[in-house]
């Protein structure tokens, strides 16, 4: 998945969040199948991506959900 676009339009944040949420679900499922350092890194990367999206939302880049 593409990295978070920090200069994305405000209405793109909900889309970015949905994509990140789906990626996190897939990463968690993969980690449950096989718990490896790479699988753990994928989960951590997805969580960091979601955190960055939420930080952008909290910083004032708002769009109705």
PDB file of N, CA and C in Angstrom:
ATOM      1  N   UNK A   1       0.832  -1.176   0.000  1.00  0.00           N
ATOM      2  CA  UNK A   1       0.000   0.000   0.000  1.00  0.00           C
ATOM      3  C   UNK A   1       0.875   1.236   0.000  1.00  0.00           C
ATOM      4  N   UNK A   2       0.358   2.299  -0.595  1.00  0.00           N
ATOM      5  CA  UNK A   2       1.092   3.557  -0.626  1.00  0.00           C
ATOM      6  C   UNK A   2       1.190   4.157   0.772  1.00  0.00           C
ATOM      7  N   UNK A   3       2.253   4.890   0.978  1.00  0.00           N
ATOM      8  CA  UNK A   3       2.424   5.602   2.252  1.00  0.00           C
ATOM      9  C   UNK A   3       1.377   6.699   2.348  1.00  0.00           C
ATOM     10  N   UNK A   4       1.126   7.134   3.554  1.00  0.00           N
ATOM     11  CA  UNK A   4       0.155   8.206   3.790  1.00  0.00           C
ATOM     12  C   UNK A   4       0.588   9.453   3.042  1.00  0.00           C
ATOM     13  N   UNK A   5      -0.322  10.030   2.330  1.00  0.00           N
ATOM     14  CA  UNK A   5      -0.051  11.277   1.617  1.00  0.00           C
ATOM     15  C   UNK A   5      -0.332  12.420   2.574  1.00  0.00           C
ATOM     16  N   UNK A   6       0.710  13.020   3.083  1.00  0.00           N
ATOM     17  CA  UNK A   6       0.544  14.039   4.124  1.00  0.00           C
ATOM     18  C   UNK A   6      -0.157  15.287   3.608  1.00  0.00           C
ATOM     19  N   UNK A   7      -0.146  15.510   2.314  1.00  0.00           N
ATOM     20  CA  UNK A   7      -0.804  16.687   1.768  1.00  0.00           C
ATOM     21  C   UNK A   7      -2.083  16.304   1.033  1.00  0.00           C
ATOM     22  N   UNK A   8      -2.673  15.193   1.425  1.00  0.00           N
ATOM     23  CA  UNK A   8      -3.900  14.727   0.790  1.00  0.00           C
ATOM     24  C   UNK A   8      -5.054  15.655   1.135  1.00  0.00           C
ATOM     25  N   UNK A   9      -6.021  15.676   0.259  1.00  0.00           N
ATOM     26  CA  UNK A   9      -7.226  16.464   0.518  1.00  0.00           C
ATOM     27  C   UNK A   9      -7.920  15.920   1.763  1.00  0.00           C
ATOM     28  N   UNK A  10      -8.583  16.803   2.508  1.00  0.00           N
ATOM     29  CA  UNK A  10      -9.241  16.345   3.743  1.00  0.00           C
ATOM     30  C   UNK A  10     -10.198  15.184   3.532  1.00  0.00           C
ATOM     31  N   UNK A  11     -10.881  15.146   2.398  1.00  0.00           N
ATOM     32  CA  UNK A  11     -11.829  14.054   2.169  1.00  0.00           C
ATOM     33  C   UNK A  11     -11.131  12.740   1.853  1.00  0.00           C
ATOM     34  N   UNK A  12      -9.818  12.772   1.680  1.00  0.00           N
ATOM     35  CA  UNK A  12      -9.071  11.536   1.418  1.00  0.00           C
ATOM     36  C   UNK A  12      -8.755  10.784   2.710  1.00  0.00           C
ATOM     37  N   UNK A  13      -8.796  11.461   3.853  1.00  0.00           N
ATOM     38  CA  UNK A  13      -8.443  10.795   5.112  1.00  0.00           C
ATOM     39  C   UNK A  13      -9.339   9.601   5.437  1.00  0.00           C
ATOM     40  N   UNK A  14     -10.658   9.701   5.285  1.00  0.00           N
ATOM     41  CA  UNK A  14     -11.473   8.511   5.555  1.00  0.00           C
ATOM     42  C   UNK A  14     -11.132   7.346   4.627  1.00  0.00           C
ATOM     43  N   UNK A  15     -10.802   7.647   3.388  1.00  0.00           N
ATOM     44  CA  UNK A  15     -10.416   6.589   2.438  1.00  0.00           C
ATOM     45  C   UNK A  15      -9.084   5.985   2.868  1.00  0.00           C
ATOM     46  N   UNK A  16      -8.125   6.844   3.217  1.00  0.00           N
ATOM     47  CA  UNK A  16      -6.826   6.365   3.695  1.00  0.00           C
ATOM     48  C   UNK A  16      -7.006   5.483   4.933  1.00  0.00           C
ATOM     49  N   UNK A  17      -7.892   5.914   5.841  1.00  0.00           N
ATOM     50  CA  UNK A  17      -8.129   5.146   7.055  1.00  0.00           C
ATOM     51  C   UNK A  17      -8.723   3.782   6.727  1.00  0.00           C
ATOM     52  N   UNK A  18      -9.701   3.740   5.828  1.00  0.00           N
ATOM     53  CA  UNK A  18     -10.299   2.458   5.443  1.00  0.00           C
ATOM     54  C   UNK A  18      -9.268   1.516   4.834  1.00  0.00           C
ATOM     55  N   UNK A  19      -8.416   2.046   3.979  1.00  0.00           N
ATOM     56  CA  UNK A  19      -7.377   1.206   3.363  1.00  0.00           C
ATOM     57  C   UNK A  19      -6.389   0.703   4.406  1.00  0.00           C
ATOM     58  N   UNK A  20      -6.007   1.575   5.320  1.00  0.00           N
ATOM     59  CA  UNK A  20      -5.067   1.180   6.375  1.00  0.00           C
ATOM     60  C   UNK A  20      -5.694   0.142   7.298  1.00  0.00           C
ATOM     61  N   UNK A  21      -6.977   0.301   7.573  1.00  0.00           N
ATOM     62  CA  UNK A  21      -7.691  -0.654   8.427  1.00  0.00           C
ATOM     63  C   UNK A  21      -7.725  -2.039   7.779  1.00  0.00           C
ATOM     64  N   UNK A  22      -7.987  -2.073   6.486  1.00  0.00           N
ATOM     65  CA  UNK A  22      -7.992  -3.348   5.769  1.00  0.00           C
ATOM     66  C   UNK A  22      -6.598  -3.976   5.737  1.00  0.00           C
ATOM     67  N   UNK A  23      -5.582  -3.144   5.538  1.00  0.00           N
ATOM     68  CA  UNK A  23      -4.204  -3.646   5.554  1.00  0.00           C
ATOM     69  C   UNK A  23      -3.846  -4.213   6.922  1.00  0.00           C
ATOM     70  N   UNK A  24      -4.285  -3.535   7.988  1.00  0.00           N
ATOM     71  CA  UNK A  24      -4.017  -4.025   9.336  1.00  0.00           C
ATOM     72  C   UNK A  24      -4.699  -5.366   9.574  1.00  0.00           C
ATOM     73  N   UNK A  25      -5.933  -5.492   9.148  1.00  0.00           N
ATOM     74  CA  UNK A  25      -6.644  -6.769   9.311  1.00  0.00           C
ATOM     75  C   UNK A  25      -5.912  -7.894   8.582  1.00  0.00           C
ATOM     76  N   UNK A  26      -5.433  -7.616   7.383  1.00  0.00           N
ATOM     77  CA  UNK A  26      -4.693  -8.627   6.623  1.00  0.00           C
ATOM     78  C   UNK A  26      -3.371  -8.959   7.304  1.00  0.00           C
ATOM     79  N   UNK A  27      -2.694  -7.953   7.827  1.00  0.00           N
ATOM     80  CA  UNK A  27      -1.410  -8.187   8.499  1.00  0.00           C
ATOM     81  C   UNK A  27      -1.600  -9.005   9.774  1.00  0.00           C
ATOM     82  N   UNK A  28      -2.655  -8.721  10.520  1.00  0.00           N
ATOM     83  CA  UNK A  28      -2.931  -9.490  11.738  1.00  0.00           C
ATOM     84  C   UNK A  28      -3.258 -10.936  11.384  1.00  0.00           C
ATOM     85  N   UNK A  29      -4.057 -11.132  10.341  1.00  0.00           N
ATOM     86  CA  UNK A  29      -4.389 -12.500   9.910  1.00  0.00           C
ATOM     87  C   UNK A  29      -3.134 -13.256   9.493  1.00  0.00           C
ATOM     88  N   UNK A  30      -2.237 -12.584   8.769  1.00  0.00           N
ATOM     89  CA  UNK A  30      -0.987 -13.229   8.353  1.00  0.00           C
ATOM     90  C   UNK A  30      -0.124 -13.563   9.558  1.00  0.00           C
ATOM     91  N   UNK A  31      -0.098 -12.680  10.541  1.00  0.00           N
ATOM     92  CA  UNK A  31       0.695 -12.939  11.750  1.00  0.00           C
ATOM     93  C   UNK A  31       0.118 -14.109  12.534  1.00  0.00           C
ATOM     94  N   UNK A  32      -1.190 -14.239  12.555  1.00  0.00           N
ATOM     95  CA  UNK A  32      -1.810 -15.365  13.264  1.00  0.00           C
ATOM     96  C   UNK A  32      -1.479 -16.688  12.589  1.00  0.00           C
ATOM     97  N   UNK A  33      -1.368 -16.662  11.256  1.00  0.00           N
ATOM     98  CA  UNK A  33      -0.999 -17.886  10.528  1.00  0.00           C
ATOM     99  C   UNK A  33       0.456 -18.267  10.791  1.00  0.00           C
ATOM    100  N   UNK A  34       1.306 -17.236  10.815  1.00  0.00           N
ATOM    101  CA  UNK A  34       2.734 -17.496  11.012  1.00  0.00           C
ATOM    102  C   UNK A  34       3.362 -16.292  11.707  1.00  0.00           C
ATOM    103  N   UNK A  35       3.683 -16.470  12.969  1.00  0.00           N
ATOM    104  CA  UNK A  35       4.218 -15.378  13.785  1.00  0.00           C
ATOM    105  C   UNK A  35       5.725 -15.280  13.575  1.00  0.00           C
ATOM    106  N   UNK A  36       6.117 -14.391  12.677  1.00  0.00           N
ATOM    107  CA  UNK A  36       7.525 -14.180  12.359  1.00  0.00           C
ATOM    108  C   UNK A  36       7.877 -12.716  12.618  1.00  0.00           C
ATOM    109  N   UNK A  37       9.161 -12.400  12.685  1.00  0.00           N
ATOM    110  CA  UNK A  37       9.551 -10.987  12.845  1.00  0.00           C
ATOM    111  C   UNK A  37       9.001 -10.105  11.717  1.00  0.00           C
ATOM    112  N   UNK A  38       8.979 -10.629  10.492  1.00  0.00           N
ATOM    113  CA  UNK A  38       8.451  -9.850   9.374  1.00  0.00           C
ATOM    114  C   UNK A  38       6.956  -9.596   9.539  1.00  0.00           C
ATOM    115  N   UNK A  39       6.224 -10.605   9.995  1.00  0.00           N
ATOM    116  CA  UNK A  39       4.786 -10.440  10.208  1.00  0.00           C
ATOM    117  C   UNK A  39       4.527  -9.410  11.308  1.00  0.00           C
ATOM    118  N   UNK A  40       5.324  -9.450  12.352  1.00  0.00           N
ATOM    119  CA  UNK A  40       5.177  -8.463  13.431  1.00  0.00           C
ATOM    120  C   UNK A  40       5.488  -7.059  12.939  1.00  0.00           C
ATOM    121  N   UNK A  41       6.490  -6.950  12.075  1.00  0.00           N
ATOM    122  CA  UNK A  41       6.844  -5.648  11.503  1.00  0.00           C
ATOM    123  C   UNK A  41       5.706  -5.108  10.644  1.00  0.00           C
ATOM    124  N   UNK A  42       5.073  -5.987   9.872  1.00  0.00           N
ATOM    125  CA  UNK A  42       3.946  -5.560   9.044  1.00  0.00           C
ATOM    126  C   UNK A  42       2.811  -5.009   9.900  1.00  0.00           C
ATOM    127  N   UNK A  43       2.499  -5.692  10.999  1.00  0.00           N
ATOM    128  CA  UNK A  43       1.448  -5.216  11.908  1.00  0.00           C
ATOM    129  C   UNK A  43       1.848  -3.871  12.504  1.00  0.00           C
ATOM    130  N   UNK A  44       3.081  -3.755  12.942  1.00  0.00           N
ATOM    131  CA  UNK A  44       3.550  -2.490  13.527  1.00  0.00           C
ATOM    132  C   UNK A  44       3.506  -1.362  12.505  1.00  0.00           C
ATOM    133  N   UNK A  45       3.885  -1.647  11.263  1.00  0.00           N
ATOM    134  CA  UNK A  45       3.840  -0.623  10.210  1.00  0.00           C
ATOM    135  C   UNK A  45       2.406  -0.158   9.949  1.00  0.00           C
ATOM    136  N   UNK A  46       1.477  -1.096   9.932  1.00  0.00           N
ATOM    137  CA  UNK A  46       0.073  -0.741   9.716  1.00  0.00           C
ATOM    138  C   UNK A  46      -0.452   0.114  10.866  1.00  0.00           C
ATOM    139  N   UNK A  47      -0.093  -0.257  12.068  1.00  0.00           N
ATOM    140  CA  UNK A  47      -0.539   0.529  13.227  1.00  0.00           C
ATOM    141  C   UNK A  47       0.063   1.930  13.200  1.00  0.00           C
ATOM    142  N   UNK A  48       1.309   2.042  12.785  1.00  0.00           N
ATOM    143  CA  UNK A  48       1.954   3.358  12.680  1.00  0.00           C
ATOM    144  C   UNK A  48       1.277   4.202  11.603  1.00  0.00           C
ATOM    145  N   UNK A  49       0.893   3.562  10.517  1.00  0.00           N
ATOM    146  CA  UNK A  49       0.191   4.267   9.437  1.00  0.00           C
ATOM    147  C   UNK A  49      -1.159   4.798   9.935  1.00  0.00           C
ATOM    148  N   UNK A  50      -1.894   3.965  10.658  1.00  0.00           N
ATOM    149  CA  UNK A  50      -3.176   4.405  11.209  1.00  0.00           C
ATOM    150  C   UNK A  50      -2.958   5.554  12.188  1.00  0.00           C
ATOM    151  N   UNK A  51      -1.920   5.456  12.998  1.00  0.00           N
ATOM    152  CA  UNK A  51      -1.608   6.523  13.947  1.00  0.00           C
ATOM    153  C   UNK A  51      -1.332   7.835  13.216  1.00  0.00           C
ATOM    154  N   UNK A  52      -0.601   7.775  12.119  1.00  0.00           N
ATOM    155  CA  UNK A  52      -0.303   8.986  11.342  1.00  0.00           C
ATOM    156  C   UNK A  52      -1.574   9.580  10.743  1.00  0.00           C
ATOM    157  N   UNK A  53      -2.478   8.722  10.283  1.00  0.00           N
ATOM    158  CA  UNK A  53      -3.740   9.206   9.724  1.00  0.00           C
ATOM    159  C   UNK A  53      -4.556   9.900  10.818  1.00  0.00           C
ATOM    160  N   UNK A  54      -4.625   9.278  11.987  1.00  0.00           N
ATOM    161  CA  UNK A  54      -5.379   9.877  13.090  1.00  0.00           C
ATOM    162  C   UNK A  54      -4.726  11.179  13.566  1.00  0.00           C
ATOM    163  N   UNK A  55      -3.402  11.243  13.543  1.00  0.00           N
ATOM    164  CA  UNK A  55      -2.717  12.488  13.891  1.00  0.00           C
ATOM    165  C   UNK A  55      -3.095  13.598  12.920  1.00  0.00           C
ATOM    166  N   UNK A  56      -3.167  13.274  11.630  1.00  0.00           N
ATOM    167  CA  UNK A  56      -3.580  14.269  10.631  1.00  0.00           C
ATOM    168  C   UNK A  56      -4.997  14.729  10.896  1.00  0.00           C
ATOM    169  N   UNK A  57      -5.859  13.796  11.217  1.00  0.00           N
ATOM    170  CA  UNK A  57      -7.253  14.138  11.528  1.00  0.00           C
ATOM    171  C   UNK A  57      -7.308  15.085  12.728  1.00  0.00           C
ATOM    172  N   UNK A  58      -6.566  14.742  13.774  1.00  0.00           N
ATOM    173  CA  UNK A  58      -6.570  15.558  14.988  1.00  0.00           C
ATOM    174  C   UNK A  58      -5.908  16.913  14.788  1.00  0.00           C
ATOM    175  N   UNK A  59      -5.025  17.012  13.803  1.00  0.00           N
ATOM    176  CA  UNK A  59      -4.344  18.275  13.535  1.00  0.00           C
ATOM    177  C   UNK A  59      -5.242  19.264  12.804  1.00  0.00           C
ATOM    178  N   UNK A  60      -6.439  18.832  12.451  1.00  0.00           N
ATOM    179  CA  UNK A  60      -7.367  19.771  11.839  1.00  0.00           C
ATOM    180  C   UNK A  60      -7.716  19.492  10.408  1.00  0.00           C
ATOM    181  N   UNK A  61      -7.154  18.458   9.837  1.00  0.00           N
ATOM    182  CA  UNK A  61      -7.521  18.093   8.473  1.00  0.00           C
ATOM    183  C   UNK A  61      -8.782  17.251   8.598  1.00  0.00           C
ATOM    184  N   UNK A  62      -9.936  17.892   8.481  1.00  0.00           N
ATOM    185  CA  UNK A  62     -11.211  17.233   8.803  1.00  0.00           C
ATOM    186  C   UNK A  62     -12.080  17.054   7.565  1.00  0.00           C
ATOM    187  N   UNK A  63     -12.806  15.997   7.579  1.00  0.00           N
ATOM    188  CA  UNK A  63     -13.837  15.724   6.585  1.00  0.00           C
ATOM    189  C   UNK A  63     -14.932  14.951   7.291  1.00  0.00           C
ATOM    190  N   UNK A  64     -16.178  15.167   6.934  1.00  0.00           N
ATOM    191  CA  UNK A  64     -17.235  14.395   7.592  1.00  0.00           C
ATOM    192  C   UNK A  64     -17.112  12.909   7.267  1.00  0.00           C
ATOM    193  N   UNK A  65     -17.372  12.083   8.266  1.00  0.00           N
ATOM    194  CA  UNK A  65     -17.303  10.632   8.039  1.00  0.00           C
ATOM    195  C   UNK A  65     -18.597  10.098   7.544  1.00  0.00           C
TER     196      UNK A  65
END
